[in-house]
Amino acid sequence: MFNSLSTVLDQKKSKAKYPEARVIVLDDSFNTFQHVANCLLTIIPGMNEKRAWDLTIKVDKTRSAEVWNGNLEQAELYHEQLCSKGLTMAPIDKT
């Protein structure tokens, strides 16, 4: 038989979210559109060709674009991989 006592959760802990972050690519004068789009397509999960090109054009026109957001640990991985391909990256933006 189950007794009527229940576990009390710390409200702060139960509402705390995992850290999240944004990955932002910056415009530069040396990476080609093709290279940026290819990097986004191969590194960012769920990226499709149209979105990769749209983001690449946004980087060119607005000087930056958020290419991914979510879990901080994954953001760090994608940031590192994009950096290793020579893309110019903003520091990880923790939200």
PDB file of N, CA and C in Angstrom:
ATOM      1  N   MET A   1       0.842  -1.185   0.000  1.00  0.00           N
ATOM      2  CA  MET A   1       0.000   0.000   0.000  1.00  0.00           C
ATOM      3  C   MET A   1       0.877   1.235   0.000  1.00  0.00           C
ATOM      4  N   PHE A   2       0.512   2.221  -0.755  1.00  0.00           N
ATOM      5  CA  PHE A   2       1.256   3.468  -0.908  1.00  0.00           C
ATOM      6  C   PHE A   2       0.849   4.420   0.194  1.00  0.00           C
ATOM      7  N   ASN A   3       1.837   5.013   0.900  1.00  0.00           N
ATOM      8  CA  ASN A   3       1.444   5.961   1.946  1.00  0.00           C
ATOM      9  C   ASN A   3       1.191   7.334   1.345  1.00  0.00           C
ATOM     10  N   SER A   4       0.631   8.224   2.109  1.00  0.00           N
ATOM     11  CA  SER A   4       0.196   9.524   1.587  1.00  0.00           C
ATOM     12  C   SER A   4       1.300  10.577   1.591  1.00  0.00           C
ATOM     13  N   LEU A   5       2.485  10.211   2.040  1.00  0.00           N
ATOM     14  CA  LEU A   5       3.576  11.186   2.014  1.00  0.00           C
ATOM     15  C   LEU A   5       4.050  11.389   0.582  1.00  0.00           C
ATOM     16  N   SER A   6       4.333  12.616   0.234  1.00  0.00           N
ATOM     17  CA  SER A   6       4.850  12.881  -1.117  1.00  0.00           C
ATOM     18  C   SER A   6       6.152  13.657  -1.021  1.00  0.00           C
ATOM     19  N   THR A   7       6.939  13.541  -2.026  1.00  0.00           N
ATOM     20  CA  THR A   7       8.216  14.250  -2.057  1.00  0.00           C
ATOM     21  C   THR A   7       7.962  15.700  -2.441  1.00  0.00           C
ATOM     22  N   VAL A   8       8.567  16.598  -1.687  1.00  0.00           N
ATOM     23  CA  VAL A   8       8.439  18.020  -1.988  1.00  0.00           C
ATOM     24  C   VAL A   8       9.653  18.436  -2.804  1.00  0.00           C
ATOM     25  N   LEU A   9       9.386  18.983  -3.980  1.00  0.00           N
ATOM     26  CA  LEU A   9      10.476  19.434  -4.849  1.00  0.00           C
ATOM     27  C   LEU A   9      10.798  20.886  -4.548  1.00  0.00           C
ATOM     28  N   ASP A  10      12.062  21.209  -4.616  1.00  0.00           N
ATOM     29  CA  ASP A  10      12.488  22.601  -4.498  1.00  0.00           C
ATOM     30  C   ASP A  10      11.956  23.339  -5.720  1.00  0.00           C
ATOM     31  N   GLN A  11      11.124  24.335  -5.513  1.00  0.00           N
ATOM     32  CA  GLN A  11      10.496  25.053  -6.621  1.00  0.00           C
ATOM     33  C   GLN A  11      11.522  25.654  -7.579  1.00  0.00           C
ATOM     34  N   LYS A  12      12.610  26.196  -7.058  1.00  0.00           N
ATOM     35  CA  LYS A  12      13.624  26.798  -7.924  1.00  0.00           C
ATOM     36  C   LYS A  12      14.265  25.745  -8.820  1.00  0.00           C
ATOM     37  N   LYS A  13      14.567  24.588  -8.250  1.00  0.00           N
ATOM     38  CA  LYS A  13      15.208  23.541  -9.041  1.00  0.00           C
ATOM     39  C   LYS A  13      14.255  22.971 -10.083  1.00  0.00           C
ATOM     40  N   SER A  14      12.997  22.800  -9.722  1.00  0.00           N
ATOM     41  CA  SER A  14      12.066  22.200 -10.666  1.00  0.00           C
ATOM     42  C   SER A  14      11.750  23.134 -11.831  1.00  0.00           C
ATOM     43  N   LYS A  15      11.896  24.434 -11.627  1.00  0.00           N
ATOM     44  CA  LYS A  15      11.612  25.390 -12.691  1.00  0.00           C
ATOM     45  C   LYS A  15      12.872  25.823 -13.442  1.00  0.00           C
ATOM     46  N   ALA A  16      14.033  25.455 -12.926  1.00  0.00           N
ATOM     47  CA  ALA A  16      15.283  25.862 -13.569  1.00  0.00           C
ATOM     48  C   ALA A  16      15.409  25.178 -14.919  1.00  0.00           C
ATOM     49  N   LYS A  17      15.823  25.949 -15.910  1.00  0.00           N
ATOM     50  CA  LYS A  17      16.017  25.414 -17.251  1.00  0.00           C
ATOM     51  C   LYS A  17      17.479  25.072 -17.444  1.00  0.00           C
ATOM     52  N   TYR A  18      17.720  24.186 -18.391  1.00  0.00           N
ATOM     53  CA  TYR A  18      19.094  23.947 -18.788  1.00  0.00           C
ATOM     54  C   TYR A  18      19.595  25.209 -19.472  1.00  0.00           C
ATOM     55  N   PRO A  19      20.890  25.528 -19.311  1.00  0.00           N
ATOM     56  CA  PRO A  19      21.417  26.729 -19.977  1.00  0.00           C
ATOM     57  C   PRO A  19      21.239  26.633 -21.490  1.00  0.00           C
ATOM     58  N   GLU A  20      20.842  27.735 -22.086  1.00  0.00           N
ATOM     59  CA  GLU A  20      20.669  27.783 -23.527  1.00  0.00           C
ATOM     60  C   GLU A  20      21.578  28.848 -24.119  1.00  0.00           C
ATOM     61  N   ALA A  21      21.824  28.746 -25.411  1.00  0.00           N
ATOM     62  CA  ALA A  21      22.728  29.685 -26.075  1.00  0.00           C
ATOM     63  C   ALA A  21      22.375  29.800 -27.548  1.00  0.00           C
ATOM     64  N   ARG A  22      22.886  30.879 -28.141  1.00  0.00           N
ATOM     65  CA  ARG A  22      22.700  31.124 -29.574  1.00  0.00           C
ATOM     66  C   ARG A  22      24.055  31.059 -30.268  1.00  0.00           C
ATOM     67  N   VAL A  23      24.068  30.482 -31.460  1.00  0.00           N
ATOM     68  CA  VAL A  23      25.272  30.408 -32.281  1.00  0.00           C
ATOM     69  C   VAL A  23      25.091  31.414 -33.414  1.00  0.00           C
ATOM     70  N   ILE A  24      26.032  32.363 -33.505  1.00  0.00           N
ATOM     71  CA  ILE A  24      25.904  33.469 -34.458  1.00  0.00           C
ATOM     72  C   ILE A  24      27.133  33.534 -35.359  1.00  0.00           C
ATOM     73  N   VAL A  25      26.876  33.509 -36.669  1.00  0.00           N
ATOM     74  CA  VAL A  25      27.938  33.648 -37.667  1.00  0.00           C
ATOM     75  C   VAL A  25      28.036  35.125 -38.044  1.00  0.00           C
ATOM     76  N   LEU A  26      29.274  35.613 -38.139  1.00  0.00           N
ATOM     77  CA  LEU A  26      29.531  37.005 -38.516  1.00  0.00           C
ATOM     78  C   LEU A  26      30.024  37.094 -39.953  1.00  0.00           C
ATOM     79  N   ASP A  27      29.765  38.222 -40.565  1.00  0.00           N
ATOM     80  CA  ASP A  27      30.231  38.479 -41.923  1.00  0.00           C
ATOM     81  C   ASP A  27      31.743  38.696 -41.911  1.00  0.00           C
ATOM     82  N   ASP A  28      32.407  38.297 -42.958  1.00  0.00           N
ATOM     83  CA  ASP A  28      33.830  38.576 -43.132  1.00  0.00           C
ATOM     84  C   ASP A  28      34.101  38.761 -44.616  1.00  0.00           C
ATOM     85  N   SER A  29      35.322  39.084 -44.940  1.00  0.00           N
ATOM     86  CA  SER A  29      35.647  39.376 -46.337  1.00  0.00           C
ATOM     87  C   SER A  29      36.370  38.225 -47.032  1.00  0.00           C
ATOM     88  N   PHE A  30      36.478  37.077 -46.378  1.00  0.00           N
ATOM     89  CA  PHE A  30      37.262  36.003 -46.985  1.00  0.00           C
ATOM     90  C   PHE A  30      36.520  34.692 -47.198  1.00  0.00           C
ATOM     91  N   ASN A  31      35.444  34.421 -46.484  1.00  0.00           N
ATOM     92  CA  ASN A  31      34.686  33.193 -46.724  1.00  0.00           C
ATOM     93  C   ASN A  31      33.680  33.423 -47.848  1.00  0.00           C
ATOM     94  N   THR A  32      33.607  32.459 -48.762  1.00  0.00           N
ATOM     95  CA  THR A  32      32.651  32.567 -49.868  1.00  0.00           C
ATOM     96  C   THR A  32      31.258  32.173 -49.398  1.00  0.00           C
ATOM     97  N   PHE A  33      30.256  32.622 -50.142  1.00  0.00           N
ATOM     98  CA  PHE A  33      28.880  32.239 -49.844  1.00  0.00           C
ATOM     99  C   PHE A  33      28.766  30.709 -49.841  1.00  0.00           C
ATOM    100  N   GLN A  34      29.356  30.088 -50.848  1.00  0.00           N
ATOM    101  CA  GLN A  34      29.278  28.627 -50.976  1.00  0.00           C
ATOM    102  C   GLN A  34      29.857  27.932 -49.743  1.00  0.00           C
ATOM    103  N   HIS A  35      31.016  28.415 -49.268  1.00  0.00           N
ATOM    104  CA  HIS A  35      31.660  27.798 -48.110  1.00  0.00           C
ATOM    105  C   HIS A  35      30.783  27.939 -46.863  1.00  0.00           C
ATOM    106  N   VAL A  36      30.248  29.128 -46.629  1.00  0.00           N
ATOM    107  CA  VAL A  36      29.406  29.352 -45.448  1.00  0.00           C
ATOM    108  C   VAL A  36      28.175  28.450 -45.507  1.00  0.00           C
ATOM    109  N   ALA A  37      27.494  28.445 -46.650  1.00  0.00           N
ATOM    110  CA  ALA A  37      26.288  27.622 -46.800  1.00  0.00           C
ATOM    111  C   ALA A  37      26.605  26.139 -46.609  1.00  0.00           C
ATOM    112  N   ASN A  38      27.710  25.677 -47.176  1.00  0.00           N
ATOM    113  CA  ASN A  38      28.099  24.267 -47.025  1.00  0.00           C
ATOM    114  C   ASN A  38      28.390  23.916 -45.570  1.00  0.00           C
ATOM    115  N   CYS A  39      29.070  24.810 -44.865  1.00  0.00           N
ATOM    116  CA  CYS A  39      29.366  24.573 -43.447  1.00  0.00           C
ATOM    117  C   CYS A  39      28.077  24.466 -42.631  1.00  0.00           C
ATOM    118  N   LEU A  40      27.157  25.377 -42.867  1.00  0.00           N
ATOM    119  CA  LEU A  40      25.884  25.340 -42.142  1.00  0.00           C
ATOM    120  C   LEU A  40      25.137  24.050 -42.444  1.00  0.00           C
ATOM    121  N   LEU A  41      25.138  23.663 -43.691  1.00  0.00           N
ATOM    122  CA  LEU A  41      24.421  22.472 -44.125  1.00  0.00           C
ATOM    123  C   LEU A  41      25.000  21.205 -43.500  1.00  0.00           C
ATOM    124  N   THR A  42      26.300  21.130 -43.378  1.00  0.00           N
ATOM    125  CA  THR A  42      26.926  19.907 -42.863  1.00  0.00           C
ATOM    126  C   THR A  42      27.051  19.873 -41.344  1.00  0.00           C
ATOM    127  N   ILE A  43      27.041  21.021 -40.672  1.00  0.00           N
ATOM    128  CA  ILE A  43      27.277  21.049 -39.229  1.00  0.00           C
ATOM    129  C   ILE A  43      26.002  21.236 -38.406  1.00  0.00           C
ATOM    130  N   ILE A  44      25.113  22.086 -38.854  1.00  0.00           N
ATOM    131  CA  ILE A  44      23.919  22.397 -38.061  1.00  0.00           C
ATOM    132  C   ILE A  44      22.835  21.348 -38.342  1.00  0.00           C
ATOM    133  N   PRO A  45      22.393  20.624 -37.294  1.00  0.00           N
ATOM    134  CA  PRO A  45      21.377  19.586 -37.506  1.00  0.00           C
ATOM    135  C   PRO A  45      20.053  20.183 -37.995  1.00  0.00           C
ATOM    136  N   GLY A  46      19.407  19.466 -38.879  1.00  0.00           N
ATOM    137  CA  GLY A  46      18.119  19.896 -39.388  1.00  0.00           C
ATOM    138  C   GLY A  46      18.184  21.003 -40.435  1.00  0.00           C
ATOM    139  N   MET A  47      19.390  21.408 -40.786  1.00  0.00           N
ATOM    140  CA  MET A  47      19.561  22.480 -41.768  1.00  0.00           C
ATOM    141  C   MET A  47      19.263  21.928 -43.162  1.00  0.00           C
ATOM    142  N   ASN A  48      18.549  22.712 -43.955  1.00  0.00           N
ATOM    143  CA  ASN A  48      18.343  22.319 -45.347  1.00  0.00           C
ATOM    144  C   ASN A  48      19.024  23.359 -46.234  1.00  0.00           C
ATOM    145  N   GLU A  49      19.122  23.038 -47.506  1.00  0.00           N
ATOM    146  CA  GLU A  49      19.885  23.892 -48.420  1.00  0.00           C
ATOM    147  C   GLU A  49      19.308  25.306 -48.514  1.00  0.00           C
ATOM    148  N   LYS A  50      17.994  25.427 -48.598  1.00  0.00           N
ATOM    149  CA  LYS A  50      17.377  26.751 -48.706  1.00  0.00           C
ATOM    150  C   LYS A  50      17.657  27.588 -47.461  1.00  0.00           C
ATOM    151  N   ARG A  51      17.499  26.992 -46.294  1.00  0.00           N
ATOM    152  CA  ARG A  51      17.740  27.732 -45.044  1.00  0.00           C
ATOM    153  C   ARG A  51      19.217  28.127 -44.931  1.00  0.00           C
ATOM    154  N   ALA A  52      20.121  27.236 -45.320  1.00  0.00           N
ATOM    155  CA  ALA A  52      21.553  27.539 -45.276  1.00  0.00           C
ATOM    156  C   ALA A  52      21.861  28.751 -46.149  1.00  0.00           C
ATOM    157  N   TRP A  53      21.292  28.788 -47.345  1.00  0.00           N
ATOM    158  CA  TRP A  53      21.522  29.925 -48.245  1.00  0.00           C
ATOM    159  C   TRP A  53      20.856  31.189 -47.715  1.00  0.00           C
ATOM    160  N   ASP A  54      19.644  31.071 -47.174  1.00  0.00           N
ATOM    161  CA  ASP A  54      18.960  32.242 -46.590  1.00  0.00           C
ATOM    162  C   ASP A  54      19.792  32.848 -45.459  1.00  0.00           C
ATOM    163  N   LEU A  55      20.342  31.983 -44.596  1.00  0.00           N
ATOM    164  CA  LEU A  55      21.165  32.479 -43.490  1.00  0.00           C
ATOM    165  C   LEU A  55      22.469  33.089 -43.994  1.00  0.00           C
ATOM    166  N   THR A  56      23.061  32.483 -45.016  1.00  0.00           N
ATOM    167  CA  THR A  56      24.295  33.012 -45.596  1.00  0.00           C
ATOM    168  C   THR A  56      24.059  34.418 -46.162  1.00  0.00           C
ATOM    169  N   ILE A  57      22.961  34.594 -46.853  1.00  0.00           N
ATOM    170  CA  ILE A  57      22.615  35.916 -47.406  1.00  0.00           C
ATOM    171  C   ILE A  57      22.346  36.906 -46.276  1.00  0.00           C
ATOM    172  N   LYS A  58      21.690  36.438 -45.216  1.00  0.00           N
ATOM    173  CA  LYS A  58      21.432  37.319 -44.065  1.00  0.00           C
ATOM    174  C   LYS A  58      22.746  37.775 -43.427  1.00  0.00           C
ATOM    175  N   VAL A  59      23.708  36.863 -43.303  1.00  0.00           N
ATOM    176  CA  VAL A  59      25.029  37.228 -42.761  1.00  0.00           C
ATOM    177  C   VAL A  59      25.633  38.348 -43.599  1.00  0.00           C
ATOM    178  N   ASP A  60      25.547  38.215 -44.913  1.00  0.00           N
ATOM    179  CA  ASP A  60      26.121  39.215 -45.815  1.00  0.00           C
ATOM    180  C   ASP A  60      25.403  40.561 -45.693  1.00  0.00           C
ATOM    181  N   LYS A  61      24.090  40.540 -45.648  1.00  0.00           N
ATOM    182  CA  LYS A  61      23.313  41.785 -45.644  1.00  0.00           C
ATOM    183  C   LYS A  61      23.284  42.491 -44.289  1.00  0.00           C
ATOM    184  N   THR A  62      23.223  41.702 -43.201  1.00  0.00           N
ATOM    185  CA  THR A  62      23.057  42.309 -41.866  1.00  0.00           C
ATOM    186  C   THR A  62      24.300  42.188 -40.991  1.00  0.00           C
ATOM    187  N   ARG A  63      25.351  41.570 -41.537  1.00  0.00           N
ATOM    188  CA  ARG A  63      26.642  41.401 -40.859  1.00  0.00           C
ATOM    189  C   ARG A  63      26.668  40.253 -39.857  1.00  0.00           C
ATOM    190  N   SER A  64      25.501  39.611 -39.579  1.00  0.00           N
ATOM    191  CA  SER A  64      25.468  38.463 -38.676  1.00  0.00           C
ATOM    192  C   SER A  64      24.136  37.737 -38.818  1.00  0.00           C
ATOM    193  N   ALA A  65      24.115  36.483 -38.376  1.00  0.00           N
ATOM    194  CA  ALA A  65      22.865  35.723 -38.352  1.00  0.00           C
ATOM    195  C   ALA A  65      22.968  34.628 -37.299  1.00  0.00           C
ATOM    196  N   GLU A  66      21.880  34.458 -36.566  1.00  0.00           N
ATOM    197  CA  GLU A  66      21.787  33.338 -35.632  1.00  0.00           C
ATOM    198  C   GLU A  66      21.509  32.090 -36.463  1.00  0.00           C
ATOM    199  N   VAL A  67      22.387  31.103 -36.348  1.00  0.00           N
ATOM    200  CA  VAL A  67      22.232  29.894 -37.158  1.00  0.00           C
ATOM    201  C   VAL A  67      21.713  28.707 -36.350  1.00  0.00           C
ATOM    202  N   TRP A  68      21.751  28.827 -35.022  1.00  0.00           N
ATOM    203  CA  TRP A  68      21.241  27.754 -34.174  1.00  0.00           C
ATOM    204  C   TRP A  68      21.026  28.310 -32.776  1.00  0.00           C
ATOM    205  N   ASN A  69      20.038  27.776 -32.065  1.00  0.00           N
ATOM    206  CA  ASN A  69      19.888  28.088 -30.642  1.00  0.00           C
ATOM    207  C   ASN A  69      19.349  26.865 -29.928  1.00  0.00           C
ATOM    208  N   GLY A  70      19.752  26.740 -28.684  1.00  0.00           N
ATOM    209  CA  GLY A  70      19.332  25.588 -27.890  1.00  0.00           C
ATOM    210  C   GLY A  70      20.309  25.327 -26.771  1.00  0.00           C
ATOM    211  N   ASN A  71      20.417  24.073 -26.393  1.00  0.00           N
ATOM    212  CA  ASN A  71      21.264  23.633 -25.282  1.00  0.00           C
ATOM    213  C   ASN A  71      22.694  24.178 -25.409  1.00  0.00           C
ATOM    214  N   LEU A  72      23.210  24.731 -24.315  1.00  0.00           N
ATOM    215  CA  LEU A  72      24.548  25.343 -24.312  1.00  0.00           C
ATOM    216  C   LEU A  72      25.639  24.379 -24.762  1.00  0.00           C
ATOM    217  N   GLU A  73      25.576  23.154 -24.286  1.00  0.00           N
ATOM    218  CA  GLU A  73      26.613  22.187 -24.640  1.00  0.00           C
ATOM    219  C   GLU A  73      26.646  21.930 -26.152  1.00  0.00           C
ATOM    220  N   GLN A  74      25.473  21.791 -26.762  1.00  0.00           N
ATOM    221  CA  GLN A  74      25.411  21.601 -28.215  1.00  0.00           C
ATOM    222  C   GLN A  74      25.860  22.873 -28.929  1.00  0.00           C
ATOM    223  N   ALA A  75      25.466  24.024 -28.412  1.00  0.00           N
ATOM    224  CA  ALA A  75      25.874  25.298 -29.013  1.00  0.00           C
ATOM    225  C   ALA A  75      27.397  25.401 -29.047  1.00  0.00           C
ATOM    226  N   GLU A  76      28.035  24.992 -27.965  1.00  0.00           N
ATOM    227  CA  GLU A  76      29.501  25.038 -27.921  1.00  0.00           C
ATOM    228  C   GLU A  76      30.111  24.126 -28.987  1.00  0.00           C
ATOM    229  N   LEU A  77      29.515  22.958 -29.173  1.00  0.00           N
ATOM    230  CA  LEU A  77      30.016  22.023 -30.190  1.00  0.00           C
ATOM    231  C   LEU A  77      29.880  22.624 -31.594  1.00  0.00           C
ATOM    232  N   TYR A  78      28.697  23.135 -31.932  1.00  0.00           N
ATOM    233  CA  TYR A  78      28.487  23.695 -33.265  1.00  0.00           C
ATOM    234  C   TYR A  78      29.370  24.925 -33.489  1.00  0.00           C
ATOM    235  N   HIS A  79      29.517  25.744 -32.458  1.00  0.00           N
ATOM    236  CA  HIS A  79      30.376  26.927 -32.533  1.00  0.00           C
ATOM    237  C   HIS A  79      31.812  26.509 -32.848  1.00  0.00           C
ATOM    238  N   GLU A  80      32.291  25.524 -32.120  1.00  0.00           N
ATOM    239  CA  GLU A  80      33.669  25.038 -32.323  1.00  0.00           C
ATOM    240  C   GLU A  80      33.842  24.457 -33.725  1.00  0.00           C
ATOM    241  N   GLN A  81      32.861  23.691 -34.189  1.00  0.00           N
ATOM    242  CA  GLN A  81      32.966  23.083 -35.517  1.00  0.00           C
ATOM    243  C   GLN A  81      32.949  24.144 -36.619  1.00  0.00           C
ATOM    244  N   LEU A  82      32.094  25.155 -36.477  1.00  0.00           N
ATOM    245  CA  LEU A  82      32.048  26.227 -37.472  1.00  0.00           C
ATOM    246  C   LEU A  82      33.349  27.031 -37.461  1.00  0.00           C
ATOM    247  N   CYS A  83      33.882  27.292 -36.276  1.00  0.00           N
ATOM    248  CA  CYS A  83      35.181  27.984 -36.166  1.00  0.00           C
ATOM    249  C   CYS A  83      36.278  27.178 -36.860  1.00  0.00           C
ATOM    250  N   SER A  84      36.256  25.870 -36.660  1.00  0.00           N
ATOM    251  CA  SER A  84      37.307  25.024 -37.243  1.00  0.00           C
ATOM    252  C   SER A  84      37.256  25.010 -38.768  1.00  0.00           C
ATOM    253  N   LYS A  85      36.110  25.364 -39.345  1.00  0.00           N
ATOM    254  CA  LYS A  85      35.978  25.463 -40.804  1.00  0.00           C
ATOM    255  C   LYS A  85      36.336  26.854 -41.307  1.00  0.00           C
ATOM    256  N   GLY A  86      36.731  27.753 -40.384  1.00  0.00           N
ATOM    257  CA  GLY A  86      37.190  29.075 -40.786  1.00  0.00           C
ATOM    258  C   GLY A  86      36.130  30.159 -40.770  1.00  0.00           C
ATOM    259  N   LEU A  87      34.915  29.828 -40.318  1.00  0.00           N
ATOM    260  CA  LEU A  87      33.885  30.866 -40.259  1.00  0.00           C
ATOM    261  C   LEU A  87      34.185  31.844 -39.131  1.00  0.00           C
ATOM    262  N   THR A  88      33.805  33.077 -39.323  1.00  0.00           N
ATOM    263  CA  THR A  88      33.979  34.109 -38.306  1.00  0.00           C
ATOM    264  C   THR A  88      32.746  34.063 -37.409  1.00  0.00           C
ATOM    265  N   MET A  89      32.988  33.836 -36.119  1.00  0.00           N
ATOM    266  CA  MET A  89      31.897  33.592 -35.189  1.00  0.00           C
ATOM    267  C   MET A  89      31.857  34.645 -34.087  1.00  0.00           C
ATOM    268  N   ALA A  90      30.642  35.002 -33.671  1.00  0.00           N
ATOM    269  CA  ALA A  90      30.471  35.820 -32.478  1.00  0.00           C
ATOM    270  C   ALA A  90      30.691  34.894 -31.283  1.00  0.00           C
ATOM    271  N   PRO A  91      31.063  35.456 -30.129  1.00  0.00           N
ATOM    272  CA  PRO A  91      31.125  34.591 -28.930  1.00  0.00           C
ATOM    273  C   PRO A  91      29.740  33.973 -28.704  1.00  0.00           C
ATOM    274  N   ILE A  92      29.713  32.803 -28.098  1.00  0.00           N
ATOM    275  CA  ILE A  92      28.438  32.145 -27.815  1.00  0.00           C
ATOM    276  C   ILE A  92      27.595  33.080 -26.956  1.00  0.00           C
ATOM    277  N   ASP A  93      26.373  33.276 -27.382  1.00  0.00           N
ATOM    278  CA  ASP A  93      25.436  34.179 -26.690  1.00  0.00           C
ATOM    279  C   ASP A  93      24.540  33.338 -25.775  1.00  0.00           C
ATOM    280  N   LYS A  94      24.854  33.358 -24.479  1.00  0.00           N
ATOM    281  CA  LYS A  94      24.059  32.587 -23.515  1.00  0.00           C
ATOM    282  C   LYS A  94      22.762  33.313 -23.219  1.00  0.00           C
ATOM    283  N   THR A  95      21.661  32.585 -23.326  1.00  0.00           N
ATOM    284  CA  THR A  95      20.360  33.199 -23.089  1.00  0.00           C
ATOM    285  C   THR A  95      19.752  32.740 -21.784  1.00  0.00           C
TER     286      THR A  95
END
